[in-house]
Amino acid sequence: MKRALFVCVENSCRSQMAEGFARQIGKGVLEAWSAGSRPSGLVNPRAVLFMKEKGVDLGVHLSKGLTDLPAGQWDYLVTMGCGDACPSLPAKDRLDWNLPDPKDLTDDEFRIVRDDIEARVRDLVSHASKEKP
């Protein structure tokens, strides 16, 4: 399986949603993780609520930092709109998904970001499944 790491600032919304989708959609293709450059310590309750609408349970997820990750190289490092706060970690492929932090957006806007993340994860899983080991 390919290893994917999704990174945002707080590991509260965007990267958590990406990890959740990647674990569900990419089962058997991606080993998914997420972390924050400055983790908040909790997963945003709205992220948990809106991901439930998609059948993904973030209620068991924890907000984590970069030091909480397993060692090794990542196949995909996906930064999610954290700009200069995003780390440079060893990865074969680095992607920058410039997404707004949905924490202060309306519910509809939050869902738009969530759905954008889902579409991008689907594309990543499709790409990863076609790559040779």
N, C-alpha and C. Protein backbone atom coordinates (compact mmCIF):
# COMPACT_ATOMS: atom_id res chain seq x y z
N MET A 1 0.83 -1.19 0.00
CA MET A 1 0.00 0.00 0.00
C MET A 1 0.87 1.25 0.00
N LYS A 2 0.35 2.30 -0.60
CA LYS A 2 1.01 3.60 -0.58
C LYS A 2 0.69 4.30 0.74
N ARG A 3 1.64 5.12 1.20
CA ARG A 3 1.46 5.86 2.45
C ARG A 3 1.17 7.33 2.12
N ALA A 4 0.08 7.85 2.68
CA ALA A 4 -0.31 9.24 2.43
C ALA A 4 -0.43 9.97 3.76
N LEU A 5 0.14 11.18 3.79
CA LEU A 5 0.05 12.04 4.96
C LEU A 5 -0.60 13.35 4.55
N PHE A 6 -1.67 13.71 5.27
CA PHE A 6 -2.39 14.95 5.04
C PHE A 6 -2.05 15.90 6.18
N VAL A 7 -1.58 17.10 5.84
CA VAL A 7 -1.13 18.04 6.87
C VAL A 7 -1.83 19.38 6.69
N CYS A 8 -2.37 19.89 7.80
CA CYS A 8 -2.86 21.27 7.85
C CYS A 8 -2.30 21.87 9.15
N VAL A 9 -2.78 23.00 9.54
CA VAL A 9 -2.21 23.66 10.72
C VAL A 9 -2.64 22.97 12.01
N GLU A 10 -3.95 22.87 12.24
CA GLU A 10 -4.45 22.39 13.54
C GLU A 10 -4.76 20.90 13.61
N ASN A 11 -4.80 20.21 12.47
CA ASN A 11 -5.23 18.82 12.42
C ASN A 11 -6.58 18.67 13.10
N SER A 12 -7.46 19.59 12.73
CA SER A 12 -8.77 19.65 13.35
C SER A 12 -9.90 19.48 12.33
N CYS A 13 -9.71 19.96 11.10
CA CYS A 13 -10.76 19.89 10.08
C CYS A 13 -10.27 19.25 8.78
N ARG A 14 -9.54 20.03 7.97
CA ARG A 14 -9.18 19.60 6.62
C ARG A 14 -8.43 18.28 6.58
N SER A 15 -7.32 18.21 7.31
CA SER A 15 -6.50 16.99 7.24
C SER A 15 -7.23 15.80 7.87
N GLN A 16 -8.03 16.06 8.89
CA GLN A 16 -8.82 14.98 9.49
C GLN A 16 -9.84 14.43 8.50
N MET A 17 -10.52 15.34 7.79
CA MET A 17 -11.50 14.89 6.79
C MET A 17 -10.81 14.10 5.68
N ALA A 18 -9.65 14.59 5.23
CA ALA A 18 -8.92 13.88 4.18
C ALA A 18 -8.50 12.49 4.65
N GLU A 19 -8.00 12.39 5.88
CA GLU A 19 -7.62 11.08 6.41
C GLU A 19 -8.83 10.16 6.47
N GLY A 20 -9.95 10.68 6.95
CA GLY A 20 -11.16 9.87 7.04
C GLY A 20 -11.62 9.35 5.69
N PHE A 21 -11.67 10.24 4.70
CA PHE A 21 -12.05 9.82 3.35
C PHE A 21 -11.04 8.83 2.79
N ALA A 22 -9.75 9.08 2.98
CA ALA A 22 -8.73 8.20 2.42
C ALA A 22 -8.80 6.81 3.03
N ARG A 23 -9.10 6.73 4.31
CA ARG A 23 -9.22 5.42 4.95
C ARG A 23 -10.43 4.66 4.43
N GLN A 24 -11.51 5.40 4.14
CA GLN A 24 -12.73 4.76 3.64
C GLN A 24 -12.62 4.45 2.14
N ILE A 25 -12.30 5.45 1.34
CA ILE A 25 -12.27 5.29 -0.11
C ILE A 25 -11.04 4.51 -0.57
N GLY A 26 -9.93 4.71 0.12
CA GLY A 26 -8.67 4.12 -0.30
C GLY A 26 -8.30 2.84 0.41
N LYS A 27 -9.27 2.21 1.04
CA LYS A 27 -8.99 0.97 1.76
C LYS A 27 -8.31 -0.03 0.83
N GLY A 28 -7.16 -0.54 1.27
CA GLY A 28 -6.40 -1.49 0.48
C GLY A 28 -5.45 -0.84 -0.52
N VAL A 29 -5.55 0.50 -0.67
CA VAL A 29 -4.70 1.23 -1.60
C VAL A 29 -3.79 2.20 -0.85
N LEU A 30 -4.38 2.92 0.12
CA LEU A 30 -3.64 3.94 0.87
C LEU A 30 -3.63 3.64 2.36
N GLU A 31 -2.48 3.81 2.97
CA GLU A 31 -2.37 3.87 4.42
C GLU A 31 -2.37 5.36 4.74
N ALA A 32 -3.46 5.85 5.33
CA ALA A 32 -3.64 7.29 5.50
C ALA A 32 -3.39 7.75 6.93
N TRP A 33 -2.73 8.92 7.03
CA TRP A 33 -2.45 9.57 8.30
C TRP A 33 -2.71 11.06 8.14
N SER A 34 -2.88 11.74 9.24
CA SER A 34 -2.97 13.19 9.21
C SER A 34 -2.25 13.76 10.42
N ALA A 35 -1.84 15.02 10.29
CA ALA A 35 -1.16 15.70 11.40
C ALA A 35 -1.27 17.21 11.18
N GLY A 36 -0.97 17.94 12.24
CA GLY A 36 -0.97 19.39 12.15
C GLY A 36 0.39 19.96 12.51
N SER A 37 0.73 21.07 11.89
CA SER A 37 1.99 21.73 12.23
C SER A 37 1.89 22.38 13.61
N ARG A 38 0.68 22.77 14.00
CA ARG A 38 0.39 23.27 15.35
C ARG A 38 -0.96 22.69 15.77
N PRO A 39 -0.99 21.40 16.16
CA PRO A 39 -2.26 20.74 16.43
C PRO A 39 -3.05 21.40 17.55
N SER A 40 -4.37 21.43 17.35
CA SER A 40 -5.27 22.07 18.32
C SER A 40 -5.56 21.18 19.52
N GLY A 41 -5.36 19.87 19.35
CA GLY A 41 -5.65 18.95 20.43
C GLY A 41 -7.03 18.31 20.33
N LEU A 42 -7.86 18.80 19.40
CA LEU A 42 -9.18 18.20 19.24
C LEU A 42 -9.63 18.27 17.80
N VAL A 43 -10.52 17.35 17.44
CA VAL A 43 -11.12 17.35 16.11
C VAL A 43 -12.35 18.25 16.19
N ASN A 44 -12.49 19.14 15.24
CA ASN A 44 -13.60 20.08 15.22
C ASN A 44 -14.93 19.32 15.22
N PRO A 45 -15.84 19.64 16.16
CA PRO A 45 -17.13 18.94 16.24
C PRO A 45 -17.95 19.05 14.95
N ARG A 46 -17.82 20.16 14.24
CA ARG A 46 -18.55 20.30 12.98
C ARG A 46 -17.98 19.36 11.92
N ALA A 47 -16.67 19.15 11.93
CA ALA A 47 -16.06 18.19 11.01
C ALA A 47 -16.60 16.79 11.30
N VAL A 48 -16.70 16.45 12.57
CA VAL A 48 -17.24 15.15 12.96
C VAL A 48 -18.68 15.02 12.47
N LEU A 49 -19.49 16.05 12.69
CA LEU A 49 -20.90 16.05 12.30
C LEU A 49 -21.06 15.93 10.78
N PHE A 50 -20.34 16.77 10.04
CA PHE A 50 -20.52 16.79 8.59
C PHE A 50 -19.90 15.57 7.91
N MET A 51 -18.90 14.96 8.51
CA MET A 51 -18.36 13.72 7.95
C MET A 51 -19.31 12.55 8.20
N LYS A 52 -20.06 12.60 9.29
CA LYS A 52 -21.07 11.56 9.53
C LYS A 52 -22.09 11.52 8.41
N GLU A 53 -22.37 12.70 7.83
CA GLU A 53 -23.30 12.76 6.70
C GLU A 53 -22.79 11.94 5.52
N LYS A 54 -21.50 11.73 5.44
CA LYS A 54 -20.87 10.96 4.37
C LYS A 54 -20.52 9.54 4.82
N GLY A 55 -20.93 9.18 6.02
CA GLY A 55 -20.67 7.83 6.52
C GLY A 55 -19.28 7.60 7.05
N VAL A 56 -18.59 8.70 7.41
CA VAL A 56 -17.22 8.60 7.94
C VAL A 56 -17.24 9.07 9.39
N ASP A 57 -16.77 8.23 10.30
CA ASP A 57 -16.78 8.55 11.73
C ASP A 57 -15.43 9.13 12.16
N LEU A 58 -15.39 10.44 12.38
CA LEU A 58 -14.19 11.08 12.91
C LEU A 58 -14.23 11.17 14.43
N GLY A 59 -15.28 10.68 15.04
CA GLY A 59 -15.42 10.76 16.48
C GLY A 59 -14.34 10.02 17.25
N VAL A 60 -13.69 9.07 16.60
CA VAL A 60 -12.63 8.31 17.25
C VAL A 60 -11.24 8.86 16.93
N HIS A 61 -11.16 9.89 16.08
CA HIS A 61 -9.88 10.48 15.69
C HIS A 61 -9.36 11.43 16.76
N LEU A 62 -8.05 11.57 16.79
CA LEU A 62 -7.39 12.51 17.70
C LEU A 62 -6.59 13.50 16.87
N SER A 63 -6.54 14.74 17.32
CA SER A 63 -5.69 15.75 16.68
C SER A 63 -4.25 15.43 17.07
N LYS A 64 -3.37 15.31 16.06
CA LYS A 64 -1.99 14.92 16.33
C LYS A 64 -1.00 15.85 15.66
N GLY A 65 0.20 15.82 16.20
CA GLY A 65 1.28 16.61 15.64
C GLY A 65 2.21 15.75 14.81
N LEU A 66 3.19 16.39 14.21
CA LEU A 66 4.12 15.69 13.34
C LEU A 66 4.97 14.67 14.10
N THR A 67 5.20 14.90 15.38
CA THR A 67 6.00 13.96 16.17
C THR A 67 5.22 12.70 16.55
N ASP A 68 3.91 12.71 16.29
CA ASP A 68 3.05 11.56 16.61
C ASP A 68 2.96 10.56 15.46
N LEU A 69 3.65 10.83 14.37
CA LEU A 69 3.54 10.00 13.17
C LEU A 69 4.56 8.87 13.18
N PRO A 70 4.24 7.78 12.46
CA PRO A 70 5.23 6.71 12.33
C PRO A 70 6.41 7.19 11.48
N ALA A 71 7.56 6.61 11.71
CA ALA A 71 8.76 6.98 10.95
C ALA A 71 8.67 6.43 9.52
N GLY A 72 9.49 6.99 8.67
CA GLY A 72 9.57 6.49 7.31
C GLY A 72 9.20 7.54 6.29
N GLN A 73 9.38 7.18 5.03
CA GLN A 73 9.07 8.09 3.95
C GLN A 73 7.61 7.91 3.53
N TRP A 74 7.03 9.02 3.11
CA TRP A 74 5.65 9.02 2.64
C TRP A 74 5.66 8.94 1.11
N ASP A 75 4.69 8.24 0.57
CA ASP A 75 4.53 8.27 -0.88
C ASP A 75 3.90 9.59 -1.30
N TYR A 76 2.95 10.07 -0.51
CA TYR A 76 2.27 11.33 -0.79
C TYR A 76 2.25 12.19 0.47
N LEU A 77 2.74 13.41 0.34
CA LEU A 77 2.59 14.41 1.39
C LEU A 77 1.65 15.46 0.82
N VAL A 78 0.48 15.59 1.43
CA VAL A 78 -0.53 16.52 0.95
C VAL A 78 -0.68 17.63 1.99
N THR A 79 -0.25 18.83 1.61
CA THR A 79 -0.44 19.99 2.47
C THR A 79 -1.76 20.64 2.07
N MET A 80 -2.42 21.21 3.06
CA MET A 80 -3.79 21.65 2.85
C MET A 80 -4.00 23.10 3.26
N GLY A 81 -3.33 24.00 2.54
CA GLY A 81 -3.56 25.42 2.77
C GLY A 81 -2.89 25.99 4.00
N CYS A 82 -1.81 25.39 4.45
CA CYS A 82 -1.15 25.90 5.65
C CYS A 82 0.04 26.80 5.34
N GLY A 83 0.31 27.04 4.08
CA GLY A 83 1.36 27.98 3.69
C GLY A 83 2.70 27.68 4.33
N ASP A 84 3.31 28.72 4.91
CA ASP A 84 4.64 28.58 5.52
C ASP A 84 4.64 27.66 6.74
N ALA A 85 3.46 27.42 7.32
CA ALA A 85 3.38 26.56 8.50
C ALA A 85 3.45 25.08 8.14
N CYS A 86 3.37 24.75 6.84
CA CYS A 86 3.45 23.35 6.41
C CYS A 86 4.89 22.88 6.41
N PRO A 87 5.11 21.69 6.91
CA PRO A 87 6.47 21.16 6.98
C PRO A 87 6.93 20.59 5.65
N SER A 88 8.20 20.36 5.56
CA SER A 88 8.76 19.64 4.43
C SER A 88 9.26 18.31 4.97
N LEU A 89 8.52 17.27 4.70
CA LEU A 89 8.85 15.93 5.17
C LEU A 89 9.25 15.08 3.97
N PRO A 90 10.02 14.01 4.21
CA PRO A 90 10.41 13.14 3.09
C PRO A 90 9.19 12.50 2.44
N ALA A 91 9.05 12.74 1.14
CA ALA A 91 7.92 12.18 0.39
C ALA A 91 8.31 12.02 -1.07
N LYS A 92 7.78 10.99 -1.69
CA LYS A 92 8.03 10.78 -3.11
C LYS A 92 7.28 11.80 -3.96
N ASP A 93 6.09 12.18 -3.50
CA ASP A 93 5.26 13.12 -4.24
C ASP A 93 4.63 14.10 -3.25
N ARG A 94 4.76 15.39 -3.55
CA ARG A 94 4.21 16.41 -2.66
C ARG A 94 3.12 17.17 -3.40
N LEU A 95 1.96 17.26 -2.78
CA LEU A 95 0.81 17.95 -3.35
C LEU A 95 0.39 19.07 -2.41
N ASP A 96 -0.02 20.20 -2.96
CA ASP A 96 -0.55 21.28 -2.14
C ASP A 96 -1.99 21.53 -2.54
N TRP A 97 -2.90 21.17 -1.65
CA TRP A 97 -4.31 21.43 -1.87
C TRP A 97 -4.62 22.72 -1.13
N ASN A 98 -4.64 23.82 -1.83
CA ASN A 98 -4.87 25.12 -1.21
C ASN A 98 -6.36 25.27 -0.90
N LEU A 99 -6.73 24.83 0.28
CA LEU A 99 -8.12 24.83 0.71
C LEU A 99 -8.31 25.78 1.89
N PRO A 100 -9.43 26.50 1.92
CA PRO A 100 -9.69 27.37 3.07
C PRO A 100 -9.96 26.53 4.32
N ASP A 101 -9.58 27.07 5.48
CA ASP A 101 -9.90 26.41 6.75
C ASP A 101 -11.40 26.62 6.97
N PRO A 102 -12.18 25.54 7.04
CA PRO A 102 -13.63 25.70 7.14
C PRO A 102 -14.16 26.04 8.53
N LYS A 103 -13.30 26.09 9.53
CA LYS A 103 -13.80 26.20 10.91
C LYS A 103 -14.69 27.42 11.15
N ASP A 104 -14.46 28.52 10.44
CA ASP A 104 -15.27 29.71 10.64
C ASP A 104 -16.26 29.96 9.50
N LEU A 105 -16.40 29.00 8.61
CA LEU A 105 -17.32 29.14 7.49
C LEU A 105 -18.73 28.72 7.88
N THR A 106 -19.71 29.11 7.06
CA THR A 106 -21.09 28.67 7.30
C THR A 106 -21.16 27.16 7.09
N ASP A 107 -22.25 26.56 7.52
CA ASP A 107 -22.41 25.12 7.34
C ASP A 107 -22.33 24.72 5.87
N ASP A 108 -22.99 25.48 4.99
CA ASP A 108 -22.96 25.15 3.57
C ASP A 108 -21.55 25.28 3.00
N GLU A 109 -20.83 26.32 3.39
CA GLU A 109 -19.45 26.51 2.93
C GLU A 109 -18.53 25.40 3.46
N PHE A 110 -18.76 24.99 4.71
CA PHE A 110 -18.00 23.90 5.30
C PHE A 110 -18.19 22.64 4.47
N ARG A 111 -19.45 22.36 4.10
CA ARG A 111 -19.73 21.17 3.30
C ARG A 111 -19.07 21.25 1.92
N ILE A 112 -18.97 22.45 1.35
CA ILE A 112 -18.31 22.61 0.06
C ILE A 112 -16.84 22.21 0.17
N VAL A 113 -16.18 22.66 1.24
CA VAL A 113 -14.78 22.27 1.47
C VAL A 113 -14.68 20.76 1.67
N ARG A 114 -15.58 20.20 2.47
CA ARG A 114 -15.59 18.74 2.71
C ARG A 114 -15.73 17.99 1.40
N ASP A 115 -16.66 18.41 0.55
CA ASP A 115 -16.90 17.71 -0.72
C ASP A 115 -15.72 17.87 -1.68
N ASP A 116 -15.05 19.02 -1.62
CA ASP A 116 -13.85 19.24 -2.43
C ASP A 116 -12.75 18.26 -1.99
N ILE A 117 -12.60 18.12 -0.69
CA ILE A 117 -11.60 17.18 -0.15
C ILE A 117 -11.93 15.75 -0.59
N GLU A 118 -13.19 15.38 -0.52
CA GLU A 118 -13.59 14.04 -0.94
C GLU A 118 -13.22 13.79 -2.41
N ALA A 119 -13.51 14.75 -3.28
CA ALA A 119 -13.19 14.60 -4.70
C ALA A 119 -11.69 14.47 -4.92
N ARG A 120 -10.90 15.28 -4.20
CA ARG A 120 -9.45 15.22 -4.34
C ARG A 120 -8.90 13.89 -3.83
N VAL A 121 -9.47 13.39 -2.73
CA VAL A 121 -9.03 12.09 -2.20
C VAL A 121 -9.36 10.99 -3.20
N ARG A 122 -10.53 11.06 -3.81
CA ARG A 122 -10.90 10.06 -4.82
C ARG A 122 -9.89 10.05 -5.97
N ASP A 123 -9.50 11.25 -6.41
CA ASP A 123 -8.50 11.35 -7.48
C ASP A 123 -7.16 10.76 -7.04
N LEU A 124 -6.75 11.06 -5.80
CA LEU A 124 -5.49 10.55 -5.28
C LEU A 124 -5.51 9.02 -5.19
N VAL A 125 -6.61 8.46 -4.71
CA VAL A 125 -6.75 7.01 -4.61
C VAL A 125 -6.70 6.38 -6.00
N SER A 126 -7.37 6.99 -6.95
CA SER A 126 -7.35 6.49 -8.32
C SER A 126 -5.93 6.50 -8.87
N HIS A 127 -5.22 7.60 -8.66
CA HIS A 127 -3.84 7.72 -9.11
C HIS A 127 -2.95 6.67 -8.43
N ALA A 128 -3.09 6.53 -7.12
CA ALA A 128 -2.27 5.59 -6.35
C ALA A 128 -2.53 4.15 -6.78
N SER A 129 -3.76 3.84 -7.11
CA SER A 129 -4.08 2.45 -7.49
C SER A 129 -3.50 2.09 -8.86
N LYS A 130 -3.18 3.09 -9.68
CA LYS A 130 -2.61 2.84 -11.01
C LYS A 130 -1.08 2.83 -11.01
N GLU A 131 -0.47 3.35 -9.93
CA GLU A 131 1.00 3.40 -9.84
C GLU A 131 1.56 2.01 -9.58
N LYS A 132 2.72 1.80 -10.12
CA LYS A 132 3.43 0.54 -9.84
C LYS A 132 4.11 0.65 -8.49
N PRO A 133 4.18 -0.48 -7.77
CA PRO A 133 4.83 -0.44 -6.44
C PRO A 133 6.29 -0.07 -6.51
